[in-house]
Amino acid sequence: MEIEEIYEELKKVKEPISGEDIVSLGIVSLIRKEDNKVIIFLGLARRTPRHPFEMAVNWAVHARIVKDIIKRF
């Protein structure tokens, strides 16, 4: 699978709160192919709020995004 095809697949993964795809939101920061592996870098830290309660809510959103990515591949 080529990197552009991977981006297209990742556009089908939605951020659970907004419903927008994770590529358009800038959550996917880089895709790199090494040997027979594909490495997907996610920029989730910049969306992490400072308040502990908000952080706990965000962990569930981050986990959902990662699970949806795994389902695609």
C-alpha atoms as a PDB file:
ATOM      1  CA  MET A   1       0.000   0.000   0.000  1.00  0.00           C
ATOM      2  CA  GLU A   2       1.383   3.402  -0.968  1.00  0.00           C
ATOM      3  CA  ILE A   3       1.479   6.352   1.428  1.00  0.00           C
ATOM      4  CA  GLU A   4      -1.221   8.253  -0.496  1.00  0.00           C
ATOM      5  CA  GLU A   5      -3.507   5.212  -0.228  1.00  0.00           C
ATOM      6  CA  ILE A   6      -2.886   5.124   3.511  1.00  0.00           C
ATOM      7  CA  TYR A   7      -3.857   8.794   3.798  1.00  0.00           C
ATOM      8  CA  GLU A   8      -7.068   8.039   1.897  1.00  0.00           C
ATOM      9  CA  GLU A   9      -7.897   5.193   4.297  1.00  0.00           C
ATOM     10  CA  LEU A  10      -7.164   7.409   7.294  1.00  0.00           C
ATOM     11  CA  LYS A  11      -9.593  10.014   5.965  1.00  0.00           C
ATOM     12  CA  LYS A  12     -12.293   7.447   6.765  1.00  0.00           C
ATOM     13  CA  VAL A  13     -11.354   7.535  10.461  1.00  0.00           C
ATOM     14  CA  LYS A  14     -13.463  10.156  12.221  1.00  0.00           C
ATOM     15  CA  GLU A  15     -12.670  12.109  15.341  1.00  0.00           C
ATOM     16  CA  PRO A  16     -15.532  10.993  17.635  1.00  0.00           C
ATOM     17  CA  ILE A  17     -16.566  14.414  18.929  1.00  0.00           C
ATOM     18  CA  SER A  18     -16.477  16.553  15.785  1.00  0.00           C
ATOM     19  CA  GLY A  19     -17.092  13.785  13.251  1.00  0.00           C
ATOM     20  CA  GLU A  20     -14.379  15.223  10.999  1.00  0.00           C
ATOM     21  CA  ASP A  21     -11.688  12.988   9.563  1.00  0.00           C
ATOM     22  CA  ILE A  22      -8.361  12.821  11.394  1.00  0.00           C
ATOM     23  CA  VAL A  23      -6.335  13.804   8.317  1.00  0.00           C
ATOM     24  CA  SER A  24      -8.235  17.072   7.734  1.00  0.00           C
ATOM     25  CA  LEU A  25      -7.980  17.900  11.431  1.00  0.00           C
ATOM     26  CA  GLY A  26      -4.200  17.528  11.286  1.00  0.00           C
ATOM     27  CA  ILE A  27      -4.108  14.651  13.776  1.00  0.00           C
ATOM     28  CA  VAL A  28      -2.107  12.542  11.310  1.00  0.00           C
ATOM     29  CA  SER A  29       1.217  14.338  11.320  1.00  0.00           C
ATOM     30  CA  LEU A  30       3.362  11.895   9.330  1.00  0.00           C
ATOM     31  CA  ILE A  31       3.261   8.508   7.645  1.00  0.00           C
ATOM     32  CA  ARG A  32       6.536   6.719   7.045  1.00  0.00           C
ATOM     33  CA  LYS A  33       7.320   3.343   5.506  1.00  0.00           C
ATOM     34  CA  GLU A  34      10.310   1.455   6.898  1.00  0.00           C
ATOM     35  CA  ASP A  35      11.166  -2.057   5.755  1.00  0.00           C
ATOM     36  CA  ASN A  36       7.808  -3.854   5.718  1.00  0.00           C
ATOM     37  CA  LYS A  37       6.226  -1.567   8.316  1.00  0.00           C
ATOM     38  CA  VAL A  38       4.099   1.527   8.121  1.00  0.00           C
ATOM     39  CA  ILE A  39       4.535   4.016  10.946  1.00  0.00           C
ATOM     40  CA  ILE A  40       1.747   6.546  11.523  1.00  0.00           C
ATOM     41  CA  PHE A  41       2.532   9.544  13.723  1.00  0.00           C
ATOM     42  CA  LEU A  42      -0.444  11.158  15.456  1.00  0.00           C
ATOM     43  CA  GLY A  43      -0.422  14.668  16.878  1.00  0.00           C
ATOM     44  CA  LEU A  44      -2.702  14.087  19.853  1.00  0.00           C
ATOM     45  CA  ALA A  45      -0.740  15.976  22.507  1.00  0.00           C
ATOM     46  CA  ARG A  46      -1.654  19.428  21.217  1.00  0.00           C
ATOM     47  CA  ARG A  47      -5.322  18.557  21.667  1.00  0.00           C
ATOM     48  CA  THR A  48      -4.834  17.553  25.300  1.00  0.00           C
ATOM     49  CA  PRO A  49      -6.432  20.057  27.678  1.00  0.00           C
ATOM     50  CA  ARG A  50      -4.843  21.002  30.974  1.00  0.00           C
ATOM     51  CA  HIS A  51      -7.716  20.259  33.345  1.00  0.00           C
ATOM     52  CA  PRO A  52      -7.622  16.675  34.726  1.00  0.00           C
ATOM     53  CA  PHE A  53     -11.302  16.002  33.950  1.00  0.00           C
ATOM     54  CA  GLU A  54     -10.912  17.168  30.357  1.00  0.00           C
ATOM     55  CA  MET A  55      -7.790  15.006  30.029  1.00  0.00           C
ATOM     56  CA  ALA A  56      -9.755  11.938  31.173  1.00  0.00           C
ATOM     57  CA  VAL A  57     -12.372  12.604  28.479  1.00  0.00           C
ATOM     58  CA  ASN A  58      -9.657  13.062  25.854  1.00  0.00           C
ATOM     59  CA  TRP A  59      -8.055   9.697  26.677  1.00  0.00           C
ATOM     60  CA  ALA A  60     -11.240   7.964  25.568  1.00  0.00           C
ATOM     61  CA  VAL A  61     -11.267   9.968  22.320  1.00  0.00           C
ATOM     62  CA  HIS A  62      -7.602   9.131  21.657  1.00  0.00           C
ATOM     63  CA  ALA A  63      -8.222   5.435  22.345  1.00  0.00           C
ATOM     64  CA  ARG A  64     -11.182   5.434  19.943  1.00  0.00           C
ATOM     65  CA  ILE A  65      -9.102   7.033  17.169  1.00  0.00           C
ATOM     66  CA  VAL A  66      -6.324   4.459  17.596  1.00  0.00           C
ATOM     67  CA  LYS A  67      -8.828   1.546  17.624  1.00  0.00           C
ATOM     68  CA  ASP A  68     -10.457   2.847  14.436  1.00  0.00           C
ATOM     69  CA  ILE A  69      -7.059   3.126  12.746  1.00  0.00           C
ATOM     70  CA  ILE A  70      -6.221  -0.455  13.723  1.00  0.00           C
ATOM     71  CA  LYS A  71      -9.534  -1.670  12.277  1.00  0.00           C
ATOM     72  CA  ARG A  72      -8.592  -0.133   8.898  1.00  0.00           C
ATOM     73  CA  PHE A  73      -5.291  -1.937   8.707  1.00  0.00           C
END
